[in-house]
Amino acid sequence: NPLKRRFYRIINLDRSSIDYFAKHSFNISLRKRIGAFLGLRGSMFG
């Protein structure tokens, strides 16, 4: 679902350590933005 979420692998230049995974969410609806702002979940806030 590239219109709402993208995933990345971040290469760690220090090869003695691990790489990293990033999950990116965008085009978030207003009610979910409010839920994300307040740290709330549920039918009202997504």
All heavy atoms as atom14 arrays in JSON, in Angstrom:
{
  "sequence": "NPLKRRFYRIINLDRSSIDYFAKHSFNISLRKRIGAFLGLRGSMFG",
  "atom14_mask": [
    [1, 1, 1, 1, 1, 1, 1, 1, 0, 0, 0, 0, 0, 0],
    [1, 1, 1, 1, 1, 1, 1, 0, 0, 0, 0, 0, 0, 0],
    [1, 1, 1, 1, 1, 1, 1, 1, 0, 0, 0, 0, 0, 0],
    [1, 1, 1, 1, 1, 1, 1, 1, 1, 0, 0, 0, 0, 0],
    [1, 1, 1, 1, 1, 1, 1, 1, 1, 1, 1, 0, 0, 0],
    [1, 1, 1, 1, 1, 1, 1, 1, 1, 1, 1, 0, 0, 0],
    [1, 1, 1, 1, 1, 1, 1, 1, 1, 1, 1, 0, 0, 0],
    [1, 1, 1, 1, 1, 1, 1, 1, 1, 1, 1, 1, 0, 0],
    [1, 1, 1, 1, 1, 1, 1, 1, 1, 1, 1, 0, 0, 0],
    [1, 1, 1, 1, 1, 1, 1, 1, 0, 0, 0, 0, 0, 0],
    [1, 1, 1, 1, 1, 1, 1, 1, 0, 0, 0, 0, 0, 0],
    [1, 1, 1, 1, 1, 1, 1, 1, 0, 0, 0, 0, 0, 0],
    [1, 1, 1, 1, 1, 1, 1, 1, 0, 0, 0, 0, 0, 0],
    [1, 1, 1, 1, 1, 1, 1, 1, 0, 0, 0, 0, 0, 0],
    [1, 1, 1, 1, 1, 1, 1, 1, 1, 1, 1, 0, 0, 0],
    [1, 1, 1, 1, 1, 1, 0, 0, 0, 0, 0, 0, 0, 0],
    [1, 1, 1, 1, 1, 1, 0, 0, 0, 0, 0, 0, 0, 0],
    [1, 1, 1, 1, 1, 1, 1, 1, 0, 0, 0, 0, 0, 0],
    [1, 1, 1, 1, 1, 1, 1, 1, 0, 0, 0, 0, 0, 0],
    [1, 1, 1, 1, 1, 1, 1, 1, 1, 1, 1, 1, 0, 0],
    [1, 1, 1, 1, 1, 1, 1, 1, 1, 1, 1, 0, 0, 0],
    [1, 1, 1, 1, 1, 0, 0, 0, 0, 0, 0, 0, 0, 0],
    [1, 1, 1, 1, 1, 1, 1, 1, 1, 0, 0, 0, 0, 0],
    [1, 1, 1, 1, 1, 1, 1, 1, 1, 1, 0, 0, 0, 0],
    [1, 1, 1, 1, 1, 1, 0, 0, 0, 0, 0, 0, 0, 0],
    [1, 1, 1, 1, 1, 1, 1, 1, 1, 1, 1, 0, 0, 0],
    [1, 1, 1, 1, 1, 1, 1, 1, 0, 0, 0, 0, 0, 0],
    [1, 1, 1, 1, 1, 1, 1, 1, 0, 0, 0, 0, 0, 0],
    [1, 1, 1, 1, 1, 1, 0, 0, 0, 0, 0, 0, 0, 0],
    [1, 1, 1, 1, 1, 1, 1, 1, 0, 0, 0, 0, 0, 0],
    [1, 1, 1, 1, 1, 1, 1, 1, 1, 1, 1, 0, 0, 0],
    [1, 1, 1, 1, 1, 1, 1, 1, 1, 0, 0, 0, 0, 0],
    [1, 1, 1, 1, 1, 1, 1, 1, 1, 1, 1, 0, 0, 0],
    [1, 1, 1, 1, 1, 1, 1, 1, 0, 0, 0, 0, 0, 0],
    [1, 1, 1, 1, 0, 0, 0, 0, 0, 0, 0, 0, 0, 0],
    [1, 1, 1, 1, 1, 0, 0, 0, 0, 0, 0, 0, 0, 0],
    [1, 1, 1, 1, 1, 1, 1, 1, 1, 1, 1, 0, 0, 0],
    [1, 1, 1, 1, 1, 1, 1, 1, 0, 0, 0, 0, 0, 0],
    [1, 1, 1, 1, 0, 0, 0, 0, 0, 0, 0, 0, 0, 0],
    [1, 1, 1, 1, 1, 1, 1, 1, 0, 0, 0, 0, 0, 0],
    [1, 1, 1, 1, 1, 1, 1, 1, 1, 1, 1, 0, 0, 0],
    [1, 1, 1, 1, 0, 0, 0, 0, 0, 0, 0, 0, 0, 0],
    [1, 1, 1, 1, 1, 1, 0, 0, 0, 0, 0, 0, 0, 0],
    [1, 1, 1, 1, 1, 1, 1, 1, 0, 0, 0, 0, 0, 0],
    [1, 1, 1, 1, 1, 1, 1, 1, 1, 1, 1, 0, 0, 0],
    [1, 1, 1, 1, 0, 0, 0, 0, 0, 0, 0, 0, 0, 0]
  ],
  "atom14_positions": [
    [[0.84, -1.19, 0.0], [0.0, 0.0, 0.0], [0.88, 1.25, 0.0], [0.93, 1.99, 0.98], [-0.92, 0.0, 1.24], [-2.0, 1.05, 1.16], [-2.12, 1.78, 0.16], [-2.79, 1.16, 2.21], [0.0, 0.0, 0.0], [0.0, 0.0, 0.0], [0.0, 0.0, 0.0], [0.0, 0.0, 0.0], [0.0, 0.0, 0.0], [0.0, 0.0, 0.0]],
    [[1.61, 1.49, -1.1], [2.6, 2.57, -1.14], [2.01, 3.97, -1.03], [2.75, 4.93, -0.84], [3.29, 2.37, -2.49], [2.29, 1.63, -3.33], [1.55, 0.75, -2.38], [0.0, 0.0, 0.0], [0.0, 0.0, 0.0], [0.0, 0.0, 0.0], [0.0, 0.0, 0.0], [0.0, 0.0, 0.0], [0.0, 0.0, 0.0], [0.0, 0.0, 0.0]],
    [[0.68, 4.11, -1.17], [0.05, 5.42, -1.03], [-0.15, 5.81, 0.43], [-0.45, 6.96, 0.74], [-1.29, 5.46, -1.76], [-1.23, 5.25, -3.27], [-2.64, 5.29, -3.87], [-0.36, 6.31, -3.93], [0.0, 0.0, 0.0], [0.0, 0.0, 0.0], [0.0, 0.0, 0.0], [0.0, 0.0, 0.0], [0.0, 0.0, 0.0], [0.0, 0.0, 0.0]],
    [[0.01, 4.82, 1.34], [-0.18, 5.11, 2.76], [1.01, 4.67, 3.62], [1.26, 5.27, 4.67], [-1.45, 4.41, 3.27], [-2.73, 5.05, 2.77], [-3.93, 4.46, 3.49], [-5.22, 5.18, 3.07], [-6.4, 4.65, 3.8], [0.0, 0.0, 0.0], [0.0, 0.0, 0.0], [0.0, 0.0, 0.0], [0.0, 0.0, 0.0], [0.0, 0.0, 0.0]],
    [[1.72, 3.63, 3.17], [2.83, 3.12, 3.99], [4.01, 2.73, 3.12], [3.82, 2.18, 2.03], [2.39, 1.92, 4.82], [1.37, 2.3, 5.87], [1.37, 1.39, 7.04], [0.52, 1.96, 8.09], [0.2, 1.34, 9.2], [0.66, 0.14, 9.42], [-0.55, 1.93, 10.11], [0.0, 0.0, 0.0], [0.0, 0.0, 0.0], [0.0, 0.0, 0.0]],
    [[5.19, 3.02, 3.61], [6.41, 2.6, 2.94], [7.36, 2.01, 3.96], [7.3, 2.34, 5.15], [7.06, 3.79, 2.22], [6.26, 4.26, 1.01], [6.86, 5.43, 0.31], [5.99, 5.9, -0.76], [5.94, 7.15, -1.18], [6.73, 8.06, -0.65], [5.11, 7.51, -2.15], [0.0, 0.0, 0.0], [0.0, 0.0, 0.0], [0.0, 0.0, 0.0]],
    [[8.25, 1.15, 3.46], [9.2, 0.47, 4.33], [10.61, 0.7, 3.81], [10.84, 0.75, 2.59], [8.9, -1.04, 4.36], [7.46, -1.36, 4.69], [6.62, -1.92, 3.74], [6.95, -1.08, 5.94], [5.3, -2.21, 4.02], [5.62, -1.36, 6.25], [4.8, -1.93, 5.29], [0.0, 0.0, 0.0], [0.0, 0.0, 0.0], [0.0, 0.0, 0.0]],
    [[11.55, 0.84, 4.73], [12.93, 1.12, 4.35], [13.89, 0.24, 5.15], [13.62, -0.13, 6.29], [13.29, 2.59, 4.64], [12.27, 3.6, 4.19], [11.54, 4.34, 5.11], [12.03, 3.82, 2.83], [10.6, 5.27, 4.71], [11.09, 4.75, 2.42], [10.37, 5.47, 3.36], [9.44, 6.39, 2.95], [0.0, 0.0, 0.0], [0.0, 0.0, 0.0]],
    [[14.99, -0.06, 4.51], [16.12, -0.67, 5.2], [17.22, 0.39, 5.3], [17.64, 0.95, 4.28], [16.64, -1.9, 4.45], [17.85, -2.55, 5.12], [18.25, -3.82, 4.41], [19.37, -4.48, 5.07], [19.84, -5.68, 4.74], [19.28, -6.35, 3.73], [20.85, -6.21, 5.42], [0.0, 0.0, 0.0], [0.0, 0.0, 0.0], [0.0, 0.0, 0.0]],
    [[17.64, 0.68, 6.51], [18.68, 1.68, 6.74], [20.0, 0.95, 6.94], [20.17, 0.18, 7.9], [18.36, 2.54, 7.97], [16.94, 3.11, 7.86], [19.38, 3.67, 8.12], [16.45, 3.76, 9.14], [0.0, 0.0, 0.0], [0.0, 0.0, 0.0], [0.0, 0.0, 0.0], [0.0, 0.0, 0.0], [0.0, 0.0, 0.0], [0.0, 0.0, 0.0]],
    [[20.93, 1.17, 6.03], [22.22, 0.49, 6.08], [23.09, 1.13, 7.16], [23.29, 2.34, 7.17], [22.94, 0.54, 4.72], [22.03, -0.03, 3.62], [24.26, -0.2, 4.78], [21.65, -1.47, 3.81], [0.0, 0.0, 0.0], [0.0, 0.0, 0.0], [0.0, 0.0, 0.0], [0.0, 0.0, 0.0], [0.0, 0.0, 0.0], [0.0, 0.0, 0.0]],
    [[23.58, 0.31, 8.05], [24.47, 0.79, 9.1], [25.9, 0.73, 8.58], [26.4, -0.34, 8.23], [24.32, -0.09, 10.35], [24.97, 0.53, 11.57], [25.82, 1.4, 11.45], [24.57, 0.06, 12.73], [0.0, 0.0, 0.0], [0.0, 0.0, 0.0], [0.0, 0.0, 0.0], [0.0, 0.0, 0.0], [0.0, 0.0, 0.0], [0.0, 0.0, 0.0]],
    [[26.56, 1.87, 8.51], [27.93, 1.9, 7.98], [28.9, 1.18, 8.88], [29.97, 0.75, 8.44], [28.36, 3.37, 7.78], [27.55, 4.14, 6.74], [28.07, 5.56, 6.6], [27.58, 3.43, 5.4], [0.0, 0.0, 0.0], [0.0, 0.0, 0.0], [0.0, 0.0, 0.0], [0.0, 0.0, 0.0], [0.0, 0.0, 0.0], [0.0, 0.0, 0.0]],
    [[28.54, 1.06, 10.14], [29.35, 0.26, 11.06], [28.96, -1.2, 10.87], [28.0, -1.68, 11.45], [29.1, 0.71, 12.5], [29.88, -0.12, 13.5], [30.67, -0.98, 13.08], [29.7, 0.11, 14.72], [0.0, 0.0, 0.0], [0.0, 0.0, 0.0], [0.0, 0.0, 0.0], [0.0, 0.0, 0.0], [0.0, 0.0, 0.0], [0.0, 0.0, 0.0]],
    [[29.67, -1.92, 10.03], [29.26, -3.26, 9.65], [29.37, -4.27, 10.78], [28.98, -5.42, 10.65], [30.09, -3.75, 8.45], [29.97, -2.9, 7.21], [28.51, -2.52, 6.9], [27.67, -3.69, 6.64], [26.35, -3.66, 6.61], [25.72, -2.55, 6.87], [25.67, -4.75, 6.36], [0.0, 0.0, 0.0], [0.0, 0.0, 0.0], [0.0, 0.0, 0.0]],
    [[29.94, -3.84, 11.93], [29.97, -4.73, 13.09], [28.61, -4.75, 13.79], [28.4, -5.55, 14.7], [31.04, -4.27, 14.08], [30.73, -2.98, 14.6], [0.0, 0.0, 0.0], [0.0, 0.0, 0.0], [0.0, 0.0, 0.0], [0.0, 0.0, 0.0], [0.0, 0.0, 0.0], [0.0, 0.0, 0.0], [0.0, 0.0, 0.0], [0.0, 0.0, 0.0]],
    [[27.72, -3.86, 13.37], [26.41, -3.78, 13.98], [25.34, -4.13, 12.95], [25.63, -4.41, 11.79], [26.19, -2.37, 14.54], [24.99, -2.31, 15.27], [0.0, 0.0, 0.0], [0.0, 0.0, 0.0], [0.0, 0.0, 0.0], [0.0, 0.0, 0.0], [0.0, 0.0, 0.0], [0.0, 0.0, 0.0], [0.0, 0.0, 0.0], [0.0, 0.0, 0.0]],
    [[24.08, -4.1, 13.38], [22.97, -4.51, 12.53], [22.48, -3.35, 11.67], [22.79, -2.2, 11.93], [21.8, -5.02, 13.4], [21.32, -3.89, 14.34], [22.19, -6.27, 14.16], [20.06, -4.22, 15.1], [0.0, 0.0, 0.0], [0.0, 0.0, 0.0], [0.0, 0.0, 0.0], [0.0, 0.0, 0.0], [0.0, 0.0, 0.0], [0.0, 0.0, 0.0]],
    [[21.71, -3.69, 10.63], [20.98, -2.68, 9.9], [19.65, -2.44, 10.61], [19.31, -3.11, 11.59], [20.73, -3.13, 8.46], [22.0, -3.14, 7.63], [22.99, -2.53, 8.06], [21.99, -3.78, 6.56], [0.0, 0.0, 0.0], [0.0, 0.0, 0.0], [0.0, 0.0, 0.0], [0.0, 0.0, 0.0], [0.0, 0.0, 0.0], [0.0, 0.0, 0.0]],
    [[18.88, -1.47, 10.09], [17.64, -1.09, 10.75], [16.48, -1.09, 9.76], [16.67, -0.9, 8.55], [17.79, 0.28, 11.42], [18.79, 0.25, 12.54], [20.15, 0.43, 12.29], [18.4, 0.0, 13.85], [21.08, 0.37, 13.3], [19.33, -0.07, 14.87], [20.66, 0.12, 14.59], [21.58, 0.04, 15.6], [0.0, 0.0, 0.0], [0.0, 0.0, 0.0]],
    [[15.29, -1.29, 10.3], [14.06, -1.31, 9.52], [13.22, -0.1, 9.92], [13.1, 0.22, 11.11], [13.28, -2.59, 9.78], [11.9, -2.61, 9.19], [11.71, -2.89, 7.85], [10.78, -2.35, 9.98], [10.43, -2.92, 7.3], [9.5, -2.37, 9.45], [9.34, -2.65, 8.1], [0.0, 0.0, 0.0], [0.0, 0.0, 0.0], [0.0, 0.0, 0.0]],
    [[12.65, 0.6, 8.94], [11.79, 1.74, 9.21], [10.43, 1.54, 8.54], [10.36, 1.16, 7.37], [12.43, 3.03, 8.71], [0.0, 0.0, 0.0], [0.0, 0.0, 0.0], [0.0, 0.0, 0.0], [0.0, 0.0, 0.0], [0.0, 0.0, 0.0], [0.0, 0.0, 0.0], [0.0, 0.0, 0.0], [0.0, 0.0, 0.0], [0.0, 0.0, 0.0]],
    [[9.37, 1.79, 9.28], [8.0, 1.72, 8.77], [7.43, 3.13, 8.79], [7.34, 3.76, 9.85], [7.16, 0.79, 9.64], [5.76, 0.54, 9.11], [5.07, -0.53, 9.96], [3.74, -0.96, 9.35], [3.12, -2.04, 10.14], [0.0, 0.0, 0.0], [0.0, 0.0, 0.0], [0.0, 0.0, 0.0], [0.0, 0.0, 0.0], [0.0, 0.0, 0.0]],
    [[7.05, 3.63, 7.62], [6.66, 5.03, 7.44], [5.19, 5.09, 7.06], [4.76, 4.51, 6.06], [7.54, 5.63, 6.34], [7.25, 7.07, 6.04], [7.65, 7.68, 4.86], [6.59, 8.02, 6.73], [7.27, 8.94, 4.87], [6.61, 9.17, 5.99], [0.0, 0.0, 0.0], [0.0, 0.0, 0.0], [0.0, 0.0, 0.0], [0.0, 0.0, 0.0]],
    [[4.39, 5.8, 7.85], [2.96, 5.95, 7.6], [2.66, 7.41, 7.29], [3.12, 8.33, 7.98], [2.17, 5.51, 8.84], [0.78, 5.73, 8.65], [0.0, 0.0, 0.0], [0.0, 0.0, 0.0], [0.0, 0.0, 0.0], [0.0, 0.0, 0.0], [0.0, 0.0, 0.0], [0.0, 0.0, 0.0], [0.0, 0.0, 0.0], [0.0, 0.0, 0.0]],
    [[1.87, 7.64, 6.23], [1.51, 9.0, 5.84], [0.09, 8.99, 5.27], [-0.56, 7.95, 5.24], [2.51, 9.58, 4.83], [2.85, 8.66, 3.7], [2.19, 8.76, 2.49], [3.82, 7.66, 3.85], [2.49, 7.9, 1.45], [4.12, 6.8, 2.81], [3.45, 6.92, 1.6], [0.0, 0.0, 0.0], [0.0, 0.0, 0.0], [0.0, 0.0, 0.0]],
    [[-0.4, 10.15, 4.84], [-1.8, 10.28, 4.42], [-2.73, 9.74, 5.51], [-3.68, 8.99, 5.25], [-2.06, 9.54, 3.1], [-1.4, 10.23, 1.92], [-1.19, 11.44, 1.93], [-1.05, 9.47, 0.9], [0.0, 0.0, 0.0], [0.0, 0.0, 0.0], [0.0, 0.0, 0.0], [0.0, 0.0, 0.0], [0.0, 0.0, 0.0], [0.0, 0.0, 0.0]],
    [[-2.45, 10.12, 6.75], [-3.22, 9.66, 7.9], [-4.51, 10.47, 8.0], [-4.49, 11.69, 7.89], [-2.39, 9.81, 9.19], [-1.06, 9.05, 9.07], [-3.16, 9.29, 10.4], [-0.1, 9.32, 10.21], [0.0, 0.0, 0.0], [0.0, 0.0, 0.0], [0.0, 0.0, 0.0], [0.0, 0.0, 0.0], [0.0, 0.0, 0.0], [0.0, 0.0, 0.0]],
    [[-5.63, 9.78, 8.21], [-6.91, 10.47, 8.32], [-6.93, 11.35, 9.58], [-6.16, 11.14, 10.52], [-8.06, 9.47, 8.38], [-7.99, 8.7, 9.57], [0.0, 0.0, 0.0], [0.0, 0.0, 0.0], [0.0, 0.0, 0.0], [0.0, 0.0, 0.0], [0.0, 0.0, 0.0], [0.0, 0.0, 0.0], [0.0, 0.0, 0.0], [0.0, 0.0, 0.0]],
    [[-7.83, 12.32, 9.6], [-7.87, 13.29, 10.68], [-8.11, 12.62, 12.04], [-7.44, 12.93, 13.03], [-8.96, 14.34, 10.43], [-9.15, 15.4, 11.53], [-7.85, 16.18, 11.75], [-10.3, 16.35, 11.18], [0.0, 0.0, 0.0], [0.0, 0.0, 0.0], [0.0, 0.0, 0.0], [0.0, 0.0, 0.0], [0.0, 0.0, 0.0], [0.0, 0.0, 0.0]],
    [[-9.07, 11.68, 12.09], [-9.37, 11.07, 13.39], [-8.19, 10.26, 13.9], [-7.93, 10.22, 15.11], [-10.63, 10.21, 13.31], [-10.51, 8.94, 12.48], [-11.86, 8.24, 12.35], [-11.76, 7.0, 11.6], [-11.57, 5.81, 12.16], [-11.47, 5.71, 13.47], [-11.49, 4.73, 11.42], [0.0, 0.0, 0.0], [0.0, 0.0, 0.0], [0.0, 0.0, 0.0]],
    [[-7.43, 9.63, 12.98], [-6.26, 8.87, 13.42], [-5.12, 9.8, 13.81], [-4.32, 9.48, 14.69], [-5.81, 7.91, 12.31], [-6.8, 6.77, 12.09], [-6.34, 5.82, 11.0], [-7.37, 4.72, 10.78], [-6.96, 3.8, 9.69], [0.0, 0.0, 0.0], [0.0, 0.0, 0.0], [0.0, 0.0, 0.0], [0.0, 0.0, 0.0], [0.0, 0.0, 0.0]],
    [[-5.06, 10.98, 13.18], [-4.06, 11.96, 13.57], [-4.34, 12.46, 14.99], [-3.42, 12.65, 15.79], [-4.06, 13.14, 12.59], [-3.53, 12.78, 11.2], [-3.62, 13.96, 10.25], [-2.77, 15.06, 10.69], [-2.75, 16.25, 10.13], [-3.54, 16.5, 9.11], [-1.96, 17.19, 10.59], [0.0, 0.0, 0.0], [0.0, 0.0, 0.0], [0.0, 0.0, 0.0]],
    [[-5.61, 12.63, 15.31], [-5.98, 13.04, 16.67], [-5.62, 11.93, 17.65], [-5.08, 12.19, 18.73], [-7.48, 13.38, 16.75], [-7.78, 14.6, 15.88], [-7.91, 13.63, 18.19], [-9.26, 14.91, 15.75], [0.0, 0.0, 0.0], [0.0, 0.0, 0.0], [0.0, 0.0, 0.0], [0.0, 0.0, 0.0], [0.0, 0.0, 0.0], [0.0, 0.0, 0.0]],
    [[-5.93, 10.67, 17.27], [-5.58, 9.54, 18.12], [-4.08, 9.43, 18.33], [-3.62, 9.16, 19.44], [0.0, 0.0, 0.0], [0.0, 0.0, 0.0], [0.0, 0.0, 0.0], [0.0, 0.0, 0.0], [0.0, 0.0, 0.0], [0.0, 0.0, 0.0], [0.0, 0.0, 0.0], [0.0, 0.0, 0.0], [0.0, 0.0, 0.0], [0.0, 0.0, 0.0]],
    [[-3.31, 9.65, 17.25], [-1.86, 9.6, 17.36], [-1.33, 10.74, 18.23], [-0.38, 10.56, 19.01], [-1.24, 9.68, 15.96], [0.0, 0.0, 0.0], [0.0, 0.0, 0.0], [0.0, 0.0, 0.0], [0.0, 0.0, 0.0], [0.0, 0.0, 0.0], [0.0, 0.0, 0.0], [0.0, 0.0, 0.0], [0.0, 0.0, 0.0], [0.0, 0.0, 0.0]],
    [[-1.95, 11.91, 18.11], [-1.53, 13.06, 18.91], [-1.74, 12.81, 20.4], [-0.89, 13.1, 21.24], [-2.3, 14.3, 18.47], [-2.06, 15.52, 19.32], [-0.86, 16.21, 19.23], [-3.02, 15.97, 20.21], [-0.63, 17.32, 20.02], [-2.8, 17.08, 21.0], [-1.6, 17.76, 20.9], [0.0, 0.0, 0.0], [0.0, 0.0, 0.0], [0.0, 0.0, 0.0]],
    [[-2.89, 12.22, 20.74], [-3.24, 11.99, 22.13], [-2.73, 10.66, 22.67], [-2.79, 10.42, 23.87], [-4.77, 12.05, 22.3], [-5.43, 13.4, 21.96], [-6.94, 13.25, 22.0], [-4.96, 14.48, 22.92], [0.0, 0.0, 0.0], [0.0, 0.0, 0.0], [0.0, 0.0, 0.0], [0.0, 0.0, 0.0], [0.0, 0.0, 0.0], [0.0, 0.0, 0.0]],
    [[-2.25, 9.8, 21.75], [-1.81, 8.48, 22.17], [-2.97, 7.57, 22.53], [-2.87, 6.72, 23.42], [0.0, 0.0, 0.0], [0.0, 0.0, 0.0], [0.0, 0.0, 0.0], [0.0, 0.0, 0.0], [0.0, 0.0, 0.0], [0.0, 0.0, 0.0], [0.0, 0.0, 0.0], [0.0, 0.0, 0.0], [0.0, 0.0, 0.0], [0.0, 0.0, 0.0]],
    [[-4.1, 7.75, 21.84], [-5.32, 6.99, 22.13], [-5.63, 6.04, 20.98], [-5.25, 6.27, 19.84], [-6.5, 7.94, 22.35], [-6.38, 8.91, 23.53], [-7.57, 9.86, 23.55], [-6.27, 8.16, 24.84], [0.0, 0.0, 0.0], [0.0, 0.0, 0.0], [0.0, 0.0, 0.0], [0.0, 0.0, 0.0], [0.0, 0.0, 0.0], [0.0, 0.0, 0.0]],
    [[-6.39, 5.0, 21.3], [-6.83, 4.03, 20.3], [-8.3, 3.74, 20.51], [-8.86, 4.05, 21.55], [-6.01, 2.75, 20.42], [-6.22, 2.03, 21.74], [-5.45, 0.72, 21.78], [-4.13, 0.89, 22.35], [-3.22, -0.05, 22.37], [-3.47, -1.23, 21.84], [-2.05, 0.16, 22.91], [0.0, 0.0, 0.0], [0.0, 0.0, 0.0], [0.0, 0.0, 0.0]],
    [[-8.92, 3.13, 19.51], [-10.33, 2.77, 19.64], [-11.1, 3.14, 18.4], [-10.56, 3.67, 17.43], [0.0, 0.0, 0.0], [0.0, 0.0, 0.0], [0.0, 0.0, 0.0], [0.0, 0.0, 0.0], [0.0, 0.0, 0.0], [0.0, 0.0, 0.0], [0.0, 0.0, 0.0], [0.0, 0.0, 0.0], [0.0, 0.0, 0.0], [0.0, 0.0, 0.0]],
    [[-12.41, 2.84, 18.39], [-13.23, 3.09, 17.21], [-13.29, 4.57, 16.85], [-13.39, 4.92, 15.67], [-14.65, 2.55, 17.45], [-15.21, 3.14, 18.61], [0.0, 0.0, 0.0], [0.0, 0.0, 0.0], [0.0, 0.0, 0.0], [0.0, 0.0, 0.0], [0.0, 0.0, 0.0], [0.0, 0.0, 0.0], [0.0, 0.0, 0.0], [0.0, 0.0, 0.0]],
    [[-13.19, 5.45, 17.85], [-13.28, 6.87, 17.58], [-11.99, 7.41, 16.96], [-12.02, 8.24, 16.04], [-13.59, 7.65, 18.85], [-13.75, 9.16, 18.65], [-14.19, 10.03, 20.16], [-15.81, 9.35, 20.48], [0.0, 0.0, 0.0], [0.0, 0.0, 0.0], [0.0, 0.0, 0.0], [0.0, 0.0, 0.0], [0.0, 0.0, 0.0], [0.0, 0.0, 0.0]],
    [[-10.84, 6.93, 17.44], [-9.55, 7.49, 17.02], [-8.75, 6.54, 16.12], [-7.62, 6.86, 15.74], [-8.7, 7.84, 18.25], [-9.34, 8.87, 19.12], [-9.85, 8.53, 20.36], [-9.44, 10.19, 18.71], [-10.43, 9.48, 21.19], [-10.03, 11.15, 19.51], [-10.52, 10.79, 20.75], [0.0, 0.0, 0.0], [0.0, 0.0, 0.0], [0.0, 0.0, 0.0]],
    [[-9.33, 5.39, 15.78], [-8.61, 4.45, 14.93], [-7.75, 3.5, 15.73], [-7.3, 3.81, 16.83], [0.0, 0.0, 0.0], [0.0, 0.0, 0.0], [0.0, 0.0, 0.0], [0.0, 0.0, 0.0], [0.0, 0.0, 0.0], [0.0, 0.0, 0.0], [0.0, 0.0, 0.0], [0.0, 0.0, 0.0], [0.0, 0.0, 0.0], [0.0, 0.0, 0.0]]
  ]
}
